[in-house]
Amino acid sequence: MLIGILIIVSGFIIMSVDGEEYGYGFLGLTLGPLVVLFGFVFQFFAIFHKGK
């Protein structure tokens, strides 16, 4: 689960690094939100994964 949290935080960092005004560049509108979404999906599977 810590990996998922790191993925989500890195997505927010990617969105904040965008150099365009108001974050309207590729990083702020496309890549960052996709990374955050992947982080939440990763968290979902990490929570519901059955251990051996």
PDB file of N, CA and C in Angstrom:
ATOM      1  N   MET A   1       0.810  -1.193   0.000  1.00  0.00           N
ATOM      2  CA  MET A   1       0.000   0.000   0.000  1.00  0.00           C
ATOM      3  C   MET A   1       0.858   1.264   0.000  1.00  0.00           C
ATOM      4  N   LEU A   2       2.039   1.166   0.550  1.00  0.00           N
ATOM      5  CA  LEU A   2       2.915   2.337   0.534  1.00  0.00           C
ATOM      6  C   LEU A   2       3.325   2.713  -0.887  1.00  0.00           C
ATOM      7  N   ILE A   3       3.470   1.708  -1.737  1.00  0.00           N
ATOM      8  CA  ILE A   3       3.812   1.980  -3.133  1.00  0.00           C
ATOM      9  C   ILE A   3       2.688   2.766  -3.806  1.00  0.00           C
ATOM     10  N   GLY A   4       1.446   2.405  -3.518  1.00  0.00           N
ATOM     11  CA  GLY A   4       0.306   3.130  -4.069  1.00  0.00           C
ATOM     12  C   GLY A   4       0.270   4.572  -3.608  1.00  0.00           C
ATOM     13  N   ILE A   5       0.565   4.793  -2.348  1.00  0.00           N
ATOM     14  CA  ILE A   5       0.601   6.167  -1.834  1.00  0.00           C
ATOM     15  C   ILE A   5       1.703   6.961  -2.520  1.00  0.00           C
ATOM     16  N   LEU A   6       2.850   6.335  -2.733  1.00  0.00           N
ATOM     17  CA  LEU A   6       3.946   7.027  -3.433  1.00  0.00           C
ATOM     18  C   LEU A   6       3.568   7.345  -4.872  1.00  0.00           C
ATOM     19  N   ILE A   7       2.828   6.453  -5.534  1.00  0.00           N
ATOM     20  CA  ILE A   7       2.379   6.706  -6.907  1.00  0.00           C
ATOM     21  C   ILE A   7       1.423   7.897  -6.936  1.00  0.00           C
ATOM     22  N   ILE A   8       0.492   7.945  -5.981  1.00  0.00           N
ATOM     23  CA  ILE A   8      -0.468   9.051  -5.929  1.00  0.00           C
ATOM     24  C   ILE A   8       0.254  10.373  -5.669  1.00  0.00           C
ATOM     25  N   VAL A   9       1.163  10.378  -4.720  1.00  0.00           N
ATOM     26  CA  VAL A   9       1.910  11.606  -4.408  1.00  0.00           C
ATOM     27  C   VAL A   9       2.752  12.047  -5.594  1.00  0.00           C
ATOM     28  N   SER A  10       3.367  11.084  -6.305  1.00  0.00           N
ATOM     29  CA  SER A  10       4.163  11.454  -7.476  1.00  0.00           C
ATOM     30  C   SER A  10       3.285  12.044  -8.576  1.00  0.00           C
ATOM     31  N   GLY A  11       2.043  11.574  -8.704  1.00  0.00           N
ATOM     32  CA  GLY A  11       1.121  12.164  -9.674  1.00  0.00           C
ATOM     33  C   GLY A  11       0.808  13.614  -9.355  1.00  0.00           C
ATOM     34  N   PHE A  12       0.598  13.909  -8.055  1.00  0.00           N
ATOM     35  CA  PHE A  12       0.353  15.296  -7.662  1.00  0.00           C
ATOM     36  C   PHE A  12       1.596  16.154  -7.861  1.00  0.00           C
ATOM     37  N   ILE A  13       2.760  15.591  -7.644  1.00  0.00           N
ATOM     38  CA  ILE A  13       3.999  16.333  -7.881  1.00  0.00           C
ATOM     39  C   ILE A  13       4.159  16.620  -9.372  1.00  0.00           C
ATOM     40  N   ILE A  14       3.837  15.647 -10.221  1.00  0.00           N
ATOM     41  CA  ILE A  14       3.914  15.855 -11.679  1.00  0.00           C
ATOM     42  C   ILE A  14       2.978  16.987 -12.093  1.00  0.00           C
ATOM     43  N   MET A  15       1.768  17.009 -11.508  1.00  0.00           N
ATOM     44  CA  MET A  15       0.829  18.083 -11.854  1.00  0.00           C
ATOM     45  C   MET A  15       1.340  19.445 -11.398  1.00  0.00           C
ATOM     46  N   SER A  16       2.030  19.499 -10.276  1.00  0.00           N
ATOM     47  CA  SER A  16       2.499  20.794  -9.780  1.00  0.00           C
ATOM     48  C   SER A  16       3.741  21.288 -10.509  1.00  0.00           C
ATOM     49  N   VAL A  17       4.459  20.406 -11.163  1.00  0.00           N
ATOM     50  CA  VAL A  17       5.690  20.788 -11.863  1.00  0.00           C
ATOM     51  C   VAL A  17       5.390  21.409 -13.227  1.00  0.00           C
ATOM     52  N   ASP A  18       4.161  21.250 -13.709  1.00  0.00           N
ATOM     53  CA  ASP A  18       3.802  21.743 -15.038  1.00  0.00           C
ATOM     54  C   ASP A  18       4.126  23.228 -15.159  1.00  0.00           C
ATOM     55  N   GLY A  19       4.834  23.595 -16.200  1.00  0.00           N
ATOM     56  CA  GLY A  19       5.285  24.967 -16.387  1.00  0.00           C
ATOM     57  C   GLY A  19       4.273  25.882 -17.041  1.00  0.00           C
ATOM     58  N   GLU A  20       3.212  25.323 -17.587  1.00  0.00           N
ATOM     59  CA  GLU A  20       2.211  26.154 -18.249  1.00  0.00           C
ATOM     60  C   GLU A  20       1.408  26.961 -17.217  1.00  0.00           C
ATOM     61  N   GLU A  21       0.816  28.025 -17.694  1.00  0.00           N
ATOM     62  CA  GLU A  21       0.029  28.869 -16.804  1.00  0.00           C
ATOM     63  C   GLU A  21      -1.219  28.122 -16.336  1.00  0.00           C
ATOM     64  N   TYR A  22      -1.469  28.136 -15.053  1.00  0.00           N
ATOM     65  CA  TYR A  22      -2.598  27.469 -14.397  1.00  0.00           C
ATOM     66  C   TYR A  22      -2.589  25.954 -14.595  1.00  0.00           C
ATOM     67  N   GLY A  23      -1.473  25.379 -14.973  1.00  0.00           N
ATOM     68  CA  GLY A  23      -1.371  23.926 -15.108  1.00  0.00           C
ATOM     69  C   GLY A  23      -2.084  23.355 -16.304  1.00  0.00           C
ATOM     70  N   TYR A  24      -2.226  24.132 -17.375  1.00  0.00           N
ATOM     71  CA  TYR A  24      -2.949  23.670 -18.553  1.00  0.00           C
ATOM     72  C   TYR A  24      -2.077  22.945 -19.568  1.00  0.00           C
ATOM     73  N   GLY A  25      -0.900  22.511 -19.183  1.00  0.00           N
ATOM     74  CA  GLY A  25      -0.022  21.793 -20.101  1.00  0.00           C
ATOM     75  C   GLY A  25      -0.297  20.300 -20.073  1.00  0.00           C
ATOM     76  N   PHE A  26       0.534  19.560 -20.771  1.00  0.00           N
ATOM     77  CA  PHE A  26       0.385  18.114 -20.862  1.00  0.00           C
ATOM     78  C   PHE A  26       0.541  17.453 -19.503  1.00  0.00           C
ATOM     79  N   LEU A  27       1.488  17.920 -18.712  1.00  0.00           N
ATOM     80  CA  LEU A  27       1.723  17.307 -17.402  1.00  0.00           C
ATOM     81  C   LEU A  27       0.554  17.538 -16.456  1.00  0.00           C
ATOM     82  N   GLY A  28      -0.012  18.728 -16.465  1.00  0.00           N
ATOM     83  CA  GLY A  28      -1.078  19.068 -15.536  1.00  0.00           C
ATOM     84  C   GLY A  28      -2.430  18.497 -15.896  1.00  0.00           C
ATOM     85  N   LEU A  29      -2.688  18.332 -17.185  1.00  0.00           N
ATOM     86  CA  LEU A  29      -4.012  17.879 -17.606  1.00  0.00           C
ATOM     87  C   LEU A  29      -4.073  16.411 -18.003  1.00  0.00           C
ATOM     88  N   THR A  30      -2.959  15.815 -18.388  1.00  0.00           N
ATOM     89  CA  THR A  30      -3.007  14.449 -18.900  1.00  0.00           C
ATOM     90  C   THR A  30      -2.182  13.481 -18.060  1.00  0.00           C
ATOM     91  N   LEU A  31      -0.902  13.706 -17.977  1.00  0.00           N
ATOM     92  CA  LEU A  31      -0.020  12.730 -17.339  1.00  0.00           C
ATOM     93  C   LEU A  31      -0.234  12.645 -15.831  1.00  0.00           C
ATOM     94  N   GLY A  32      -0.306  13.761 -15.157  1.00  0.00           N
ATOM     95  CA  GLY A  32      -0.487  13.764 -13.709  1.00  0.00           C
ATOM     96  C   GLY A  32      -1.763  13.064 -13.261  1.00  0.00           C
ATOM     97  N   PRO A  33      -2.924  13.436 -13.823  1.00  0.00           N
ATOM     98  CA  PRO A  33      -4.153  12.744 -13.430  1.00  0.00           C
ATOM     99  C   PRO A  33      -4.161  11.257 -13.760  1.00  0.00           C
ATOM    100  N   LEU A  34      -3.528  10.849 -14.845  1.00  0.00           N
ATOM    101  CA  LEU A  34      -3.454   9.421 -15.160  1.00  0.00           C
ATOM    102  C   LEU A  34      -2.608   8.672 -14.133  1.00  0.00           C
ATOM    103  N   VAL A  35      -1.528   9.287 -13.696  1.00  0.00           N
ATOM    104  CA  VAL A  35      -0.688   8.663 -12.673  1.00  0.00           C
ATOM    105  C   VAL A  35      -1.446   8.552 -11.357  1.00  0.00           C
ATOM    106  N   VAL A  36      -2.195   9.599 -10.993  1.00  0.00           N
ATOM    107  CA  VAL A  36      -2.994   9.555  -9.764  1.00  0.00           C
ATOM    108  C   VAL A  36      -4.070   8.473  -9.867  1.00  0.00           C
ATOM    109  N   LEU A  37      -4.739   8.392 -11.002  1.00  0.00           N
ATOM    110  CA  LEU A  37      -5.761   7.363 -11.202  1.00  0.00           C
ATOM    111  C   LEU A  37      -5.152   5.971 -11.101  1.00  0.00           C
ATOM    112  N   PHE A  38      -3.983   5.767 -11.702  1.00  0.00           N
ATOM    113  CA  PHE A  38      -3.306   4.482 -11.592  1.00  0.00           C
ATOM    114  C   PHE A  38      -2.951   4.170 -10.142  1.00  0.00           C
ATOM    115  N   GLY A  39      -2.565   5.192  -9.387  1.00  0.00           N
ATOM    116  CA  GLY A  39      -2.256   4.994  -7.978  1.00  0.00           C
ATOM    117  C   GLY A  39      -3.469   4.541  -7.184  1.00  0.00           C
ATOM    118  N   PHE A  40      -4.640   5.133  -7.470  1.00  0.00           N
ATOM    119  CA  PHE A  40      -5.854   4.715  -6.765  1.00  0.00           C
ATOM    120  C   PHE A  40      -6.270   3.302  -7.172  1.00  0.00           C
ATOM    121  N   VAL A  41      -6.121   2.943  -8.434  1.00  0.00           N
ATOM    122  CA  VAL A  41      -6.421   1.568  -8.872  1.00  0.00           C
ATOM    123  C   VAL A  41      -5.463   0.591  -8.210  1.00  0.00           C
ATOM    124  N   PHE A  42      -4.205   0.963  -8.117  1.00  0.00           N
ATOM    125  CA  PHE A  42      -3.211   0.129  -7.445  1.00  0.00           C
ATOM    126  C   PHE A  42      -3.589  -0.064  -5.978  1.00  0.00           C
ATOM    127  N   GLN A  43      -4.039   1.010  -5.322  1.00  0.00           N
ATOM    128  CA  GLN A  43      -4.468   0.919  -3.930  1.00  0.00           C
ATOM    129  C   GLN A  43      -5.672  -0.004  -3.786  1.00  0.00           C
ATOM    130  N   PHE A  44      -6.619   0.081  -4.716  1.00  0.00           N
ATOM    131  CA  PHE A  44      -7.800  -0.771  -4.679  1.00  0.00           C
ATOM    132  C   PHE A  44      -7.407  -2.245  -4.709  1.00  0.00           C
ATOM    133  N   PHE A  45      -6.517  -2.606  -5.630  1.00  0.00           N
ATOM    134  CA  PHE A  45      -6.093  -4.000  -5.726  1.00  0.00           C
ATOM    135  C   PHE A  45      -5.217  -4.408  -4.544  1.00  0.00           C
ATOM    136  N   ALA A  46      -4.465  -3.465  -3.985  1.00  0.00           N
ATOM    137  CA  ALA A  46      -3.641  -3.790  -2.820  1.00  0.00           C
ATOM    138  C   ALA A  46      -4.505  -4.070  -1.598  1.00  0.00           C
ATOM    139  N   ILE A  47      -5.626  -3.368  -1.482  1.00  0.00           N
ATOM    140  CA  ILE A  47      -6.510  -3.588  -0.340  1.00  0.00           C
ATOM    141  C   ILE A  47      -7.240  -4.922  -0.462  1.00  0.00           C
ATOM    142  N   PHE A  48      -7.722  -5.253  -1.652  1.00  0.00           N
ATOM    143  CA  PHE A  48      -8.533  -6.449  -1.819  1.00  0.00           C
ATOM    144  C   PHE A  48      -7.747  -7.701  -2.195  1.00  0.00           C
ATOM    145  N   HIS A  49      -6.426  -7.595  -2.295  1.00  0.00           N
ATOM    146  CA  HIS A  49      -5.605  -8.762  -2.626  1.00  0.00           C
ATOM    147  C   HIS A  49      -5.535  -9.713  -1.447  1.00  0.00           C
ATOM    148  N   LYS A  50      -5.806 -10.991  -1.708  1.00  0.00           N
ATOM    149  CA  LYS A  50      -5.721 -11.994  -0.653  1.00  0.00           C
ATOM    150  C   LYS A  50      -4.295 -12.509  -0.553  1.00  0.00           C
ATOM    151  N   GLY A  51      -3.757 -12.506   0.642  1.00  0.00           N
ATOM    152  CA  GLY A  51      -2.415 -13.029   0.856  1.00  0.00           C
ATOM    153  C   GLY A  51      -2.426 -14.552   0.904  1.00  0.00           C
ATOM    154  N   LYS A  52      -1.277 -15.130   0.776  1.00  0.00           N
ATOM    155  CA  LYS A  52      -1.192 -16.597   0.784  1.00  0.00           C
ATOM    156  C   LYS A  52      -1.303 -17.152   2.168  1.00  0.00           C
TER     157      LYS A  52
END
